[in-house]
Amino acid sequence: MGMVSCIVIDDDQDVLDVFCELLSIAGVDVIDKGTDGRDAERLYEKHRPDLIFVDLLMPEYDGFYAIERIRGIDPNAKIVIVTGDLKAGESYLLDSYNVSAIIYKPFDIHMIKQVLIDIFLI
């Protein structure tokens, strides 16, 4: 497996920085990042990464907006939701939005690596 490319979308700059740092440590190439659902759509269309990490709760254009728009561009896009909402309704999100995985904040390197393994090696 070559290096996995990804985009990270989160409206919290600190979370964005830490998450991107952990992804780099995990051997993932972070090719771009954004802060809302509009960025997610635009950057996905521009780069067509292997994976996109999207925060759910963002002002104005949220993660649901992002997921729906990205699905319109590529129905098979690999999308990972990153959320602090532990009541996010995992089965509902995974089924309805066909996301590859959910990572809960506060995240750590092990969670990120496990998700990468689950998505790309199974």
PDB file of N, CA and C in Angstrom:
ATOM      1  N   MET A   1       0.837  -1.191   0.000  1.00  0.00           N
ATOM      2  CA  MET A   1       0.000   0.000   0.000  1.00  0.00           C
ATOM      3  C   MET A   1       0.875   1.245   0.000  1.00  0.00           C
ATOM      4  N   GLY A   2       0.650   2.114  -0.980  1.00  0.00           N
ATOM      5  CA  GLY A   2       1.396   3.369  -1.018  1.00  0.00           C
ATOM      6  C   GLY A   2       0.881   4.291   0.065  1.00  0.00           C
ATOM      7  N   MET A   3       1.412   5.485   0.095  1.00  0.00           N
ATOM      8  CA  MET A   3       0.966   6.415   1.129  1.00  0.00           C
ATOM      9  C   MET A   3      -0.476   6.841   0.870  1.00  0.00           C
ATOM     10  N   VAL A   4      -1.262   6.812   1.916  1.00  0.00           N
ATOM     11  CA  VAL A   4      -2.657   7.212   1.831  1.00  0.00           C
ATOM     12  C   VAL A   4      -2.742   8.737   1.862  1.00  0.00           C
ATOM     13  N   SER A   5      -3.505   9.311   0.940  1.00  0.00           N
ATOM     14  CA  SER A   5      -3.681  10.762   0.932  1.00  0.00           C
ATOM     15  C   SER A   5      -5.014  11.118   1.573  1.00  0.00           C
ATOM     16  N   CYS A   6      -5.057  12.241   2.266  1.00  0.00           N
ATOM     17  CA  CYS A   6      -6.308  12.630   2.905  1.00  0.00           C
ATOM     18  C   CYS A   6      -6.467  14.138   2.996  1.00  0.00           C
ATOM     19  N   ILE A   7      -7.704  14.530   3.297  1.00  0.00           N
ATOM     20  CA  ILE A   7      -8.060  15.914   3.590  1.00  0.00           C
ATOM     21  C   ILE A   7      -8.711  15.894   4.968  1.00  0.00           C
ATOM     22  N   VAL A   8      -8.480  16.940   5.756  1.00  0.00           N
ATOM     23  CA  VAL A   8      -9.068  17.022   7.088  1.00  0.00           C
ATOM     24  C   VAL A   8      -9.897  18.306   7.186  1.00  0.00           C
ATOM     25  N   ILE A   9     -11.127  18.171   7.663  1.00  0.00           N
ATOM     26  CA  ILE A   9     -12.028  19.313   7.796  1.00  0.00           C
ATOM     27  C   ILE A   9     -12.496  19.438   9.243  1.00  0.00           C
ATOM     28  N   ASP A  10     -12.174  20.564   9.888  1.00  0.00           N
ATOM     29  CA  ASP A  10     -12.639  20.815  11.258  1.00  0.00           C
ATOM     30  C   ASP A  10     -12.592  22.315  11.498  1.00  0.00           C
ATOM     31  N   ASP A  11     -13.621  22.860  12.144  1.00  0.00           N
ATOM     32  CA  ASP A  11     -13.658  24.312  12.355  1.00  0.00           C
ATOM     33  C   ASP A  11     -12.783  24.762  13.519  1.00  0.00           C
ATOM     34  N   ASP A  12     -12.279  23.806  14.313  1.00  0.00           N
ATOM     35  CA  ASP A  12     -11.409  24.134  15.451  1.00  0.00           C
ATOM     36  C   ASP A  12      -9.951  23.987  15.017  1.00  0.00           C
ATOM     37  N   GLN A  13      -9.251  25.109  14.935  1.00  0.00           N
ATOM     38  CA  GLN A  13      -7.868  25.105  14.422  1.00  0.00           C
ATOM     39  C   GLN A  13      -6.941  24.209  15.238  1.00  0.00           C
ATOM     40  N   ASP A  14      -7.118  24.182  16.565  1.00  0.00           N
ATOM     41  CA  ASP A  14      -6.263  23.345  17.411  1.00  0.00           C
ATOM     42  C   ASP A  14      -6.475  21.867  17.108  1.00  0.00           C
ATOM     43  N   VAL A  15      -7.741  21.491  16.974  1.00  0.00           N
ATOM     44  CA  VAL A  15      -8.066  20.096  16.650  1.00  0.00           C
ATOM     45  C   VAL A  15      -7.474  19.742  15.286  1.00  0.00           C
ATOM     46  N   LEU A  16      -7.620  20.645  14.335  1.00  0.00           N
ATOM     47  CA  LEU A  16      -7.105  20.439  12.986  1.00  0.00           C
ATOM     48  C   LEU A  16      -5.594  20.185  13.033  1.00  0.00           C
ATOM     49  N   ASP A  17      -4.879  21.026  13.765  1.00  0.00           N
ATOM     50  CA  ASP A  17      -3.416  20.910  13.842  1.00  0.00           C
ATOM     51  C   ASP A  17      -2.989  19.587  14.485  1.00  0.00           C
ATOM     52  N   VAL A  18      -3.621  19.256  15.610  1.00  0.00           N
ATOM     53  CA  VAL A  18      -3.255  18.023  16.316  1.00  0.00           C
ATOM     54  C   VAL A  18      -3.585  16.798  15.478  1.00  0.00           C
ATOM     55  N   PHE A  19      -4.770  16.805  14.879  1.00  0.00           N
ATOM     56  CA  PHE A  19      -5.199  15.657  14.084  1.00  0.00           C
ATOM     57  C   PHE A  19      -4.278  15.444  12.881  1.00  0.00           C
ATOM     58  N   CYS A  20      -3.925  16.530  12.215  1.00  0.00           N
ATOM     59  CA  CYS A  20      -3.030  16.428  11.051  1.00  0.00           C
ATOM     60  C   CYS A  20      -1.650  15.931  11.459  1.00  0.00           C
ATOM     61  N   GLU A  21      -1.204  16.383  12.624  1.00  0.00           N
ATOM     62  CA  GLU A  21       0.093  15.934  13.150  1.00  0.00           C
ATOM     63  C   GLU A  21       0.067  14.419  13.402  1.00  0.00           C
ATOM     64  N   LEU A  22      -1.005  13.947  14.024  1.00  0.00           N
ATOM     65  CA  LEU A  22      -1.128  12.513  14.302  1.00  0.00           C
ATOM     66  C   LEU A  22      -1.227  11.706  13.006  1.00  0.00           C
ATOM     67  N   LEU A  23      -1.940  12.238  12.037  1.00  0.00           N
ATOM     68  CA  LEU A  23      -2.054  11.542  10.746  1.00  0.00           C
ATOM     69  C   LEU A  23      -0.678  11.411  10.091  1.00  0.00           C
ATOM     70  N   SER A  24       0.110  12.481  10.163  1.00  0.00           N
ATOM     71  CA  SER A  24       1.462  12.448   9.600  1.00  0.00           C
ATOM     72  C   SER A  24       2.306  11.388  10.287  1.00  0.00           C
ATOM     73  N   ILE A  25       2.197  11.311  11.617  1.00  0.00           N
ATOM     74  CA  ILE A  25       2.940  10.308  12.380  1.00  0.00           C
ATOM     75  C   ILE A  25       2.493   8.903  11.953  1.00  0.00           C
ATOM     76  N   ALA A  26       1.204   8.767  11.651  1.00  0.00           N
ATOM     77  CA  ALA A  26       0.659   7.469  11.236  1.00  0.00           C
ATOM     78  C   ALA A  26       0.995   7.143   9.781  1.00  0.00           C
ATOM     79  N   GLY A  27       1.708   8.049   9.117  1.00  0.00           N
ATOM     80  CA  GLY A  27       2.130   7.778   7.752  1.00  0.00           C
ATOM     81  C   GLY A  27       1.113   8.157   6.688  1.00  0.00           C
ATOM     82  N   VAL A  28       0.225   9.078   7.034  1.00  0.00           N
ATOM     83  CA  VAL A  28      -0.777   9.529   6.068  1.00  0.00           C
ATOM     84  C   VAL A  28      -0.364  10.896   5.530  1.00  0.00           C
ATOM     85  N   ASP A  29      -0.551  11.083   4.228  1.00  0.00           N
ATOM     86  CA  ASP A  29      -0.199  12.339   3.581  1.00  0.00           C
ATOM     87  C   ASP A  29      -1.405  13.280   3.616  1.00  0.00           C
ATOM     88  N   VAL A  30      -1.327  14.304   4.486  1.00  0.00           N
ATOM     89  CA  VAL A  30      -2.415  15.284   4.572  1.00  0.00           C
ATOM     90  C   VAL A  30      -2.192  16.308   3.457  1.00  0.00           C
ATOM     91  N   ILE A  31      -3.018  16.233   2.393  1.00  0.00           N
ATOM     92  CA  ILE A  31      -2.760  17.109   1.246  1.00  0.00           C
ATOM     93  C   ILE A  31      -3.465  18.462   1.347  1.00  0.00           C
ATOM     94  N   ASP A  32      -4.480  18.543   2.203  1.00  0.00           N
ATOM     95  CA  ASP A  32      -5.141  19.833   2.370  1.00  0.00           C
ATOM     96  C   ASP A  32      -6.040  19.781   3.599  1.00  0.00           C
ATOM     97  N   LYS A  33      -6.458  20.953   4.067  1.00  0.00           N
ATOM     98  CA  LYS A  33      -7.390  21.000   5.193  1.00  0.00           C
ATOM     99  C   LYS A  33      -8.314  22.193   5.052  1.00  0.00           C
ATOM    100  N   GLY A  34      -9.489  22.068   5.684  1.00  0.00           N
ATOM    101  CA  GLY A  34     -10.468  23.140   5.589  1.00  0.00           C
ATOM    102  C   GLY A  34     -11.258  23.229   6.875  1.00  0.00           C
ATOM    103  N   THR A  35     -12.165  24.218   6.926  1.00  0.00           N
ATOM    104  CA  THR A  35     -12.854  24.481   8.187  1.00  0.00           C
ATOM    105  C   THR A  35     -14.368  24.368   8.133  1.00  0.00           C
ATOM    106  N   ASP A  36     -14.940  24.033   6.970  1.00  0.00           N
ATOM    107  CA  ASP A  36     -16.387  23.804   6.948  1.00  0.00           C
ATOM    108  C   ASP A  36     -16.779  22.898   5.786  1.00  0.00           C
ATOM    109  N   GLY A  37     -18.073  22.622   5.693  1.00  0.00           N
ATOM    110  CA  GLY A  37     -18.574  21.703   4.677  1.00  0.00           C
ATOM    111  C   GLY A  37     -18.345  22.172   3.255  1.00  0.00           C
ATOM    112  N   ARG A  38     -18.328  23.479   3.061  1.00  0.00           N
ATOM    113  CA  ARG A  38     -18.056  24.006   1.714  1.00  0.00           C
ATOM    114  C   ARG A  38     -16.613  23.710   1.321  1.00  0.00           C
ATOM    115  N   ASP A  39     -15.682  23.907   2.269  1.00  0.00           N
ATOM    116  CA  ASP A  39     -14.276  23.561   2.016  1.00  0.00           C
ATOM    117  C   ASP A  39     -14.170  22.083   1.672  1.00  0.00           C
ATOM    118  N   ALA A  40     -14.876  21.263   2.424  1.00  0.00           N
ATOM    119  CA  ALA A  40     -14.817  19.815   2.216  1.00  0.00           C
ATOM    120  C   ALA A  40     -15.179  19.465   0.778  1.00  0.00           C
ATOM    121  N   GLU A  41     -16.278  20.028   0.315  1.00  0.00           N
ATOM    122  CA  GLU A  41     -16.738  19.752  -1.046  1.00  0.00           C
ATOM    123  C   GLU A  41     -15.716  20.217  -2.082  1.00  0.00           C
ATOM    124  N   ARG A  42     -15.252  21.448  -1.916  1.00  0.00           N
ATOM    125  CA  ARG A  42     -14.315  22.055  -2.873  1.00  0.00           C
ATOM    126  C   ARG A  42     -12.983  21.294  -2.914  1.00  0.00           C
ATOM    127  N   LEU A  43     -12.457  20.994  -1.725  1.00  0.00           N
ATOM    128  CA  LEU A  43     -11.153  20.334  -1.655  1.00  0.00           C
ATOM    129  C   LEU A  43     -11.232  18.882  -2.122  1.00  0.00           C
ATOM    130  N   TYR A  44     -12.360  18.235  -1.847  1.00  0.00           N
ATOM    131  CA  TYR A  44     -12.504  16.843  -2.318  1.00  0.00           C
ATOM    132  C   TYR A  44     -12.512  16.822  -3.834  1.00  0.00           C
ATOM    133  N   GLU A  45     -13.262  17.732  -4.427  1.00  0.00           N
ATOM    134  CA  GLU A  45     -13.343  17.790  -5.883  1.00  0.00           C
ATOM    135  C   GLU A  45     -11.986  18.087  -6.505  1.00  0.00           C
ATOM    136  N   LYS A  46     -11.241  18.966  -5.848  1.00  0.00           N
ATOM    137  CA  LYS A  46      -9.931  19.387  -6.363  1.00  0.00           C
ATOM    138  C   LYS A  46      -8.902  18.265  -6.277  1.00  0.00           C
ATOM    139  N   HIS A  47      -8.836  17.573  -5.133  1.00  0.00           N
ATOM    140  CA  HIS A  47      -7.743  16.624  -4.885  1.00  0.00           C
ATOM    141  C   HIS A  47      -8.094  15.150  -5.077  1.00  0.00           C
ATOM    142  N   ARG A  48      -9.362  14.800  -4.908  1.00  0.00           N
ATOM    143  CA  ARG A  48      -9.784  13.398  -4.945  1.00  0.00           C
ATOM    144  C   ARG A  48      -8.881  12.508  -4.070  1.00  0.00           C
ATOM    145  N   PRO A  49      -8.824  12.784  -2.771  1.00  0.00           N
ATOM    146  CA  PRO A  49      -7.954  12.018  -1.869  1.00  0.00           C
ATOM    147  C   PRO A  49      -8.491  10.606  -1.629  1.00  0.00           C
ATOM    148  N   ASP A  50      -7.651   9.763  -1.044  1.00  0.00           N
ATOM    149  CA  ASP A  50      -8.071   8.404  -0.690  1.00  0.00           C
ATOM    150  C   ASP A  50      -9.109   8.435   0.423  1.00  0.00           C
ATOM    151  N   LEU A  51      -9.038   9.486   1.239  1.00  0.00           N
ATOM    152  CA  LEU A  51      -9.808   9.521   2.476  1.00  0.00           C
ATOM    153  C   LEU A  51     -10.081  10.975   2.852  1.00  0.00           C
ATOM    154  N   ILE A  52     -11.262  11.215   3.464  1.00  0.00           N
ATOM    155  CA  ILE A  52     -11.519  12.552   3.987  1.00  0.00           C
ATOM    156  C   ILE A  52     -12.064  12.438   5.401  1.00  0.00           C
ATOM    157  N   PHE A  53     -11.468  13.190   6.302  1.00  0.00           N
ATOM    158  CA  PHE A  53     -11.904  13.229   7.708  1.00  0.00           C
ATOM    159  C   PHE A  53     -12.741  14.488   7.880  1.00  0.00           C
ATOM    160  N   VAL A  54     -13.966  14.331   8.378  1.00  0.00           N
ATOM    161  CA  VAL A  54     -14.885  15.460   8.482  1.00  0.00           C
ATOM    162  C   VAL A  54     -15.480  15.567   9.886  1.00  0.00           C
ATOM    163  N   ASP A  55     -15.352  16.748  10.473  1.00  0.00           N
ATOM    164  CA  ASP A  55     -16.019  17.035  11.739  1.00  0.00           C
ATOM    165  C   ASP A  55     -17.514  17.150  11.433  1.00  0.00           C
ATOM    166  N   LEU A  56     -18.361  16.714  12.363  1.00  0.00           N
ATOM    167  CA  LEU A  56     -19.810  16.784  12.127  1.00  0.00           C
ATOM    168  C   LEU A  56     -20.379  18.157  12.413  1.00  0.00           C
ATOM    169  N   LEU A  57     -20.052  18.691  13.603  1.00  0.00           N
ATOM    170  CA  LEU A  57     -20.655  19.941  14.037  1.00  0.00           C
ATOM    171  C   LEU A  57     -19.767  21.130  13.706  1.00  0.00           C
ATOM    172  N   MET A  58     -20.160  21.838  12.647  1.00  0.00           N
ATOM    173  CA  MET A  58     -19.437  23.045  12.244  1.00  0.00           C
ATOM    174  C   MET A  58     -20.489  24.091  11.914  1.00  0.00           C
ATOM    175  N   PRO A  59     -20.180  25.372  12.154  1.00  0.00           N
ATOM    176  CA  PRO A  59     -21.177  26.408  11.869  1.00  0.00           C
ATOM    177  C   PRO A  59     -21.497  26.472  10.372  1.00  0.00           C
ATOM    178  N   GLU A  60     -22.700  26.790  10.062  1.00  0.00           N
ATOM    179  CA  GLU A  60     -23.185  27.007   8.702  1.00  0.00           C
ATOM    180  C   GLU A  60     -23.170  25.740   7.849  1.00  0.00           C
ATOM    181  N   TYR A  61     -22.053  25.391   7.274  1.00  0.00           N
ATOM    182  CA  TYR A  61     -21.991  24.192   6.435  1.00  0.00           C
ATOM    183  C   TYR A  61     -21.361  23.066   7.239  1.00  0.00           C
ATOM    184  N   ASP A  62     -22.183  22.160   7.731  1.00  0.00           N
ATOM    185  CA  ASP A  62     -21.687  21.142   8.656  1.00  0.00           C
ATOM    186  C   ASP A  62     -21.216  19.862   7.955  1.00  0.00           C
ATOM    187  N   GLY A  63     -20.930  18.864   8.773  1.00  0.00           N
ATOM    188  CA  GLY A  63     -20.424  17.607   8.241  1.00  0.00           C
ATOM    189  C   GLY A  63     -21.433  16.864   7.382  1.00  0.00           C
ATOM    190  N   PHE A  64     -22.719  17.004   7.711  1.00  0.00           N
ATOM    191  CA  PHE A  64     -23.745  16.322   6.915  1.00  0.00           C
ATOM    192  C   PHE A  64     -23.806  16.917   5.512  1.00  0.00           C
ATOM    193  N   TYR A  65     -23.688  18.233   5.450  1.00  0.00           N
ATOM    194  CA  TYR A  65     -23.633  18.932   4.171  1.00  0.00           C
ATOM    195  C   TYR A  65     -22.437  18.398   3.363  1.00  0.00           C
ATOM    196  N   ALA A  66     -21.294  18.319   4.042  1.00  0.00           N
ATOM    197  CA  ALA A  66     -20.068  17.852   3.387  1.00  0.00           C
ATOM    198  C   ALA A  66     -20.247  16.440   2.835  1.00  0.00           C
ATOM    199  N   ILE A  67     -20.787  15.553   3.660  1.00  0.00           N
ATOM    200  CA  ILE A  67     -20.939  14.156   3.251  1.00  0.00           C
ATOM    201  C   ILE A  67     -21.860  14.043   2.038  1.00  0.00           C
ATOM    202  N   GLU A  68     -22.970  14.751   2.077  1.00  0.00           N
ATOM    203  CA  GLU A  68     -23.916  14.677   0.957  1.00  0.00           C
ATOM    204  C   GLU A  68     -23.288  15.212  -0.330  1.00  0.00           C
ATOM    205  N   ARG A  69     -22.563  16.317  -0.225  1.00  0.00           N
ATOM    206  CA  ARG A  69     -21.929  16.893  -1.414  1.00  0.00           C
ATOM    207  C   ARG A  69     -20.828  15.991  -1.963  1.00  0.00           C
ATOM    208  N   ILE A  70     -20.027  15.407  -1.062  1.00  0.00           N
ATOM    209  CA  ILE A  70     -18.939  14.532  -1.499  1.00  0.00           C
ATOM    210  C   ILE A  70     -19.500  13.272  -2.145  1.00  0.00           C
ATOM    211  N   ARG A  71     -20.579  12.747  -1.592  1.00  0.00           N
ATOM    212  CA  ARG A  71     -21.239  11.581  -2.195  1.00  0.00           C
ATOM    213  C   ARG A  71     -21.706  11.900  -3.609  1.00  0.00           C
ATOM    214  N   GLY A  72     -22.092  13.157  -3.835  1.00  0.00           N
ATOM    215  CA  GLY A  72     -22.508  13.580  -5.170  1.00  0.00           C
ATOM    216  C   GLY A  72     -21.350  13.577  -6.155  1.00  0.00           C
ATOM    217  N   ILE A  73     -20.160  13.842  -5.657  1.00  0.00           N
ATOM    218  CA  ILE A  73     -18.961  13.850  -6.492  1.00  0.00           C
ATOM    219  C   ILE A  73     -18.476  12.423  -6.710  1.00  0.00           C
ATOM    220  N   ASP A  74     -18.434  11.644  -5.633  1.00  0.00           N
ATOM    221  CA  ASP A  74     -17.944  10.261  -5.695  1.00  0.00           C
ATOM    222  C   ASP A  74     -18.721   9.406  -4.692  1.00  0.00           C
ATOM    223  N   PRO A  75     -19.663   8.600  -5.196  1.00  0.00           N
ATOM    224  CA  PRO A  75     -20.489   7.777  -4.310  1.00  0.00           C
ATOM    225  C   PRO A  75     -19.661   6.810  -3.449  1.00  0.00           C
ATOM    226  N   ASN A  76     -18.446   6.501  -3.902  1.00  0.00           N
ATOM    227  CA  ASN A  76     -17.602   5.542  -3.181  1.00  0.00           C
ATOM    228  C   ASN A  76     -16.522   6.213  -2.323  1.00  0.00           C
ATOM    229  N   ALA A  77     -16.624   7.508  -2.152  1.00  0.00           N
ATOM    230  CA  ALA A  77     -15.626   8.225  -1.351  1.00  0.00           C
ATOM    231  C   ALA A  77     -15.523   7.604   0.044  1.00  0.00           C
ATOM    232  N   LYS A  78     -14.298   7.519   0.543  1.00  0.00           N
ATOM    233  CA  LYS A  78     -14.086   7.015   1.902  1.00  0.00           C
ATOM    234  C   LYS A  78     -14.103   8.204   2.856  1.00  0.00           C
ATOM    235  N   ILE A  79     -15.140   8.228   3.684  1.00  0.00           N
ATOM    236  CA  ILE A  79     -15.352   9.352   4.587  1.00  0.00           C
ATOM    237  C   ILE A  79     -15.291   8.866   6.032  1.00  0.00           C
ATOM    238  N   VAL A  80     -14.492   9.558   6.839  1.00  0.00           N
ATOM    239  CA  VAL A  80     -14.428   9.249   8.269  1.00  0.00           C
ATOM    240  C   VAL A  80     -14.942  10.463   9.035  1.00  0.00           C
ATOM    241  N   ILE A  81     -15.932  10.241   9.888  1.00  0.00           N
ATOM    242  CA  ILE A  81     -16.474  11.305  10.717  1.00  0.00           C
ATOM    243  C   ILE A  81     -15.618  11.428  11.975  1.00  0.00           C
ATOM    244  N   VAL A  82     -15.279  12.673  12.324  1.00  0.00           N
ATOM    245  CA  VAL A  82     -14.563  12.945  13.571  1.00  0.00           C
ATOM    246  C   VAL A  82     -15.501  13.802  14.413  1.00  0.00           C
ATOM    247  N   THR A  83     -15.878  13.312  15.589  1.00  0.00           N
ATOM    248  CA  THR A  83     -16.863  14.044  16.377  1.00  0.00           C
ATOM    249  C   THR A  83     -16.622  13.955  17.876  1.00  0.00           C
ATOM    250  N   GLY A  84     -17.062  14.972  18.576  1.00  0.00           N
ATOM    251  CA  GLY A  84     -16.986  14.964  20.034  1.00  0.00           C
ATOM    252  C   GLY A  84     -18.302  14.494  20.629  1.00  0.00           C
ATOM    253  N   ASP A  85     -19.271  14.252  19.757  1.00  0.00           N
ATOM    254  CA  ASP A  85     -20.603  13.855  20.211  1.00  0.00           C
ATOM    255  C   ASP A  85     -20.695  12.350  20.374  1.00  0.00           C
ATOM    256  N   LEU A  86     -20.605  11.896  21.608  1.00  0.00           N
ATOM    257  CA  LEU A  86     -20.604  10.453  21.851  1.00  0.00           C
ATOM    258  C   LEU A  86     -21.977   9.827  21.613  1.00  0.00           C
ATOM    259  N   LYS A  87     -22.984  10.657  21.460  1.00  0.00           N
ATOM    260  CA  LYS A  87     -24.329  10.146  21.191  1.00  0.00           C
ATOM    261  C   LYS A  87     -24.644  10.276  19.703  1.00  0.00           C
ATOM    262  N   ALA A  88     -23.610  10.324  18.904  1.00  0.00           N
ATOM    263  CA  ALA A  88     -23.792  10.601  17.471  1.00  0.00           C
ATOM    264  C   ALA A  88     -24.659   9.559  16.760  1.00  0.00           C
ATOM    265  N   GLY A  89     -24.956   8.457  17.411  1.00  0.00           N
ATOM    266  CA  GLY A  89     -25.803   7.451  16.773  1.00  0.00           C
ATOM    267  C   GLY A  89     -25.026   6.717  15.711  1.00  0.00           C
ATOM    268  N   GLU A  90     -24.061   5.947  16.172  1.00  0.00           N
ATOM    269  CA  GLU A  90     -23.099   5.321  15.271  1.00  0.00           C
ATOM    270  C   GLU A  90     -23.757   4.516  14.151  1.00  0.00           C
ATOM    271  N   SER A  91     -24.673   3.618  14.503  1.00  0.00           N
ATOM    272  CA  SER A  91     -25.248   2.757  13.470  1.00  0.00           C
ATOM    273  C   SER A  91     -26.022   3.588  12.451  1.00  0.00           C
ATOM    274  N   TYR A  92     -26.728   4.595  12.944  1.00  0.00           N
ATOM    275  CA  TYR A  92     -27.498   5.464  12.059  1.00  0.00           C
ATOM    276  C   TYR A  92     -26.574   6.195  11.083  1.00  0.00           C
ATOM    277  N   LEU A  93     -25.472   6.727  11.604  1.00  0.00           N
ATOM    278  CA  LEU A  93     -24.538   7.458  10.746  1.00  0.00           C
ATOM    279  C   LEU A  93     -23.864   6.525   9.752  1.00  0.00           C
ATOM    280  N   LEU A  94     -23.416   5.386  10.240  1.00  0.00           N
ATOM    281  CA  LEU A  94     -22.700   4.465   9.366  1.00  0.00           C
ATOM    282  C   LEU A  94     -23.604   3.961   8.246  1.00  0.00           C
ATOM    283  N   ASP A  95     -24.867   3.700   8.587  1.00  0.00           N
ATOM    284  CA  ASP A  95     -25.785   3.176   7.578  1.00  0.00           C
ATOM    285  C   ASP A  95     -26.310   4.271   6.655  1.00  0.00           C
ATOM    286  N   SER A  96     -26.910   5.296   7.239  1.00  0.00           N
ATOM    287  CA  SER A  96     -27.559   6.336   6.439  1.00  0.00           C
ATOM    288  C   SER A  96     -26.572   7.091   5.559  1.00  0.00           C
ATOM    289  N   TYR A  97     -25.418   7.374   6.091  1.00  0.00           N
ATOM    290  CA  TYR A  97     -24.456   8.180   5.341  1.00  0.00           C
ATOM    291  C   TYR A  97     -23.322   7.344   4.753  1.00  0.00           C
ATOM    292  N   ASN A  98     -23.376   6.045   5.010  1.00  0.00           N
ATOM    293  CA  ASN A  98     -22.386   5.131   4.442  1.00  0.00           C
ATOM    294  C   ASN A  98     -20.958   5.617   4.693  1.00  0.00           C
ATOM    295  N   VAL A  99     -20.676   6.019   5.938  1.00  0.00           N
ATOM    296  CA  VAL A  99     -19.320   6.463   6.247  1.00  0.00           C
ATOM    297  C   VAL A  99     -18.467   5.249   6.616  1.00  0.00           C
ATOM    298  N   SER A 100     -17.162   5.387   6.408  1.00  0.00           N
ATOM    299  CA  SER A 100     -16.250   4.272   6.630  1.00  0.00           C
ATOM    300  C   SER A 100     -15.973   4.025   8.110  1.00  0.00           C
ATOM    301  N   ALA A 101     -15.977   5.094   8.902  1.00  0.00           N
ATOM    302  CA  ALA A 101     -15.663   4.951  10.321  1.00  0.00           C
ATOM    303  C   ALA A 101     -16.013   6.237  11.051  1.00  0.00           C
ATOM    304  N   ILE A 102     -16.041   6.149  12.379  1.00  0.00           N
ATOM    305  CA  ILE A 102     -16.238   7.323  13.218  1.00  0.00           C
ATOM    306  C   ILE A 102     -15.101   7.355  14.239  1.00  0.00           C
ATOM    307  N   ILE A 103     -14.467   8.509  14.364  1.00  0.00           N
ATOM    308  CA  ILE A 103     -13.423   8.699  15.375  1.00  0.00           C
ATOM    309  C   ILE A 103     -13.970   9.712  16.377  1.00  0.00           C
ATOM    310  N   TYR A 104     -13.939   9.346  17.649  1.00  0.00           N
ATOM    311  CA  TYR A 104     -14.456  10.243  18.679  1.00  0.00           C
ATOM    312  C   TYR A 104     -13.336  11.066  19.308  1.00  0.00           C
ATOM    313  N   LYS A 105     -13.627  12.339  19.556  1.00  0.00           N
ATOM    314  CA  LYS A 105     -12.699  13.195  20.293  1.00  0.00           C
ATOM    315  C   LYS A 105     -12.915  12.926  21.781  1.00  0.00           C
ATOM    316  N   PRO A 106     -11.880  12.974  22.611  1.00  0.00           N
ATOM    317  CA  PRO A 106     -10.479  13.202  22.232  1.00  0.00           C
ATOM    318  C   PRO A 106      -9.868  11.942  21.604  1.00  0.00           C
ATOM    319  N   PHE A 107      -9.283  12.112  20.441  1.00  0.00           N
ATOM    320  CA  PHE A 107      -8.701  10.982  19.715  1.00  0.00           C
ATOM    321  C   PHE A 107      -7.222  10.827  20.072  1.00  0.00           C
ATOM    322  N   ASP A 108      -6.668   9.690  19.707  1.00  0.00           N
ATOM    323  CA  ASP A 108      -5.229   9.500  19.881  1.00  0.00           C
ATOM    324  C   ASP A 108      -4.690   8.716  18.678  1.00  0.00           C
ATOM    325  N   ILE A 109      -3.411   8.555  18.649  1.00  0.00           N
ATOM    326  CA  ILE A 109      -2.747   7.925  17.504  1.00  0.00           C
ATOM    327  C   ILE A 109      -3.238   6.492  17.292  1.00  0.00           C
ATOM    328  N   HIS A 110      -3.542   5.798  18.374  1.00  0.00           N
ATOM    329  CA  HIS A 110      -3.973   4.399  18.248  1.00  0.00           C
ATOM    330  C   HIS A 110      -5.325   4.299  17.565  1.00  0.00           C
ATOM    331  N   MET A 111      -6.238   5.208  17.914  1.00  0.00           N
ATOM    332  CA  MET A 111      -7.552   5.222  17.281  1.00  0.00           C
ATOM    333  C   MET A 111      -7.415   5.481  15.788  1.00  0.00           C
ATOM    334  N   ILE A 112      -6.562   6.426  15.453  1.00  0.00           N
ATOM    335  CA  ILE A 112      -6.364   6.781  14.045  1.00  0.00           C
ATOM    336  C   ILE A 112      -5.777   5.596  13.278  1.00  0.00           C
ATOM    337  N   LYS A 113      -4.760   4.975  13.848  1.00  0.00           N
ATOM    338  CA  LYS A 113      -4.133   3.830  13.173  1.00  0.00           C
ATOM    339  C   LYS A 113      -5.129   2.689  12.992  1.00  0.00           C
ATOM    340  N   GLN A 114      -5.955   2.441  14.010  1.00  0.00           N
ATOM    341  CA  GLN A 114      -6.925   1.354  13.921  1.00  0.00           C
ATOM    342  C   GLN A 114      -7.927   1.601  12.796  1.00  0.00           C
ATOM    343  N   VAL A 115      -8.371   2.830  12.669  1.00  0.00           N
ATOM    344  CA  VAL A 115      -9.309   3.181  11.605  1.00  0.00           C
ATOM    345  C   VAL A 115      -8.656   2.980  10.242  1.00  0.00           C
ATOM    346  N   LEU A 116      -7.410   3.382  10.110  1.00  0.00           N
ATOM    347  CA  LEU A 116      -6.706   3.213   8.835  1.00  0.00           C
ATOM    348  C   LEU A 116      -6.576   1.730   8.483  1.00  0.00           C
ATOM    349  N   ILE A 117      -6.286   0.930   9.487  1.00  0.00           N
ATOM    350  CA  ILE A 117      -6.174  -0.520   9.276  1.00  0.00           C
ATOM    351  C   ILE A 117      -7.527  -1.094   8.864  1.00  0.00           C
ATOM    352  N   ASP A 118      -8.568  -0.689   9.599  1.00  0.00           N
ATOM    353  CA  ASP A 118      -9.916  -1.194   9.298  1.00  0.00           C
ATOM    354  C   ASP A 118     -10.334  -0.853   7.867  1.00  0.00           C
ATOM    355  N   ILE A 119     -10.032   0.355   7.437  1.00  0.00           N
ATOM    356  CA  ILE A 119     -10.492   0.804   6.119  1.00  0.00           C
ATOM    357  C   ILE A 119      -9.668   0.211   4.980  1.00  0.00           C
ATOM    358  N   PHE A 120      -8.360   0.196   5.143  1.00  0.00           N
ATOM    359  CA  PHE A 120      -7.507  -0.157   4.002  1.00  0.00           C
ATOM    360  C   PHE A 120      -6.976  -1.574   3.978  1.00  0.00           C
ATOM    361  N   LEU A 121      -7.030  -2.275   5.105  1.00  0.00           N
ATOM    362  CA  LEU A 121      -6.426  -3.612   5.115  1.00  0.00           C
ATOM    363  C   LEU A 121      -7.431  -4.736   5.266  1.00  0.00           C
ATOM    364  N   ILE A 122      -8.726  -4.403   5.280  1.00  0.00           N
ATOM    365  CA  ILE A 122      -9.717  -5.470   5.459  1.00  0.00           C
ATOM    366  C   ILE A 122     -10.562  -5.576   4.203  1.00  0.00           C
TER     367      ILE A 122
END
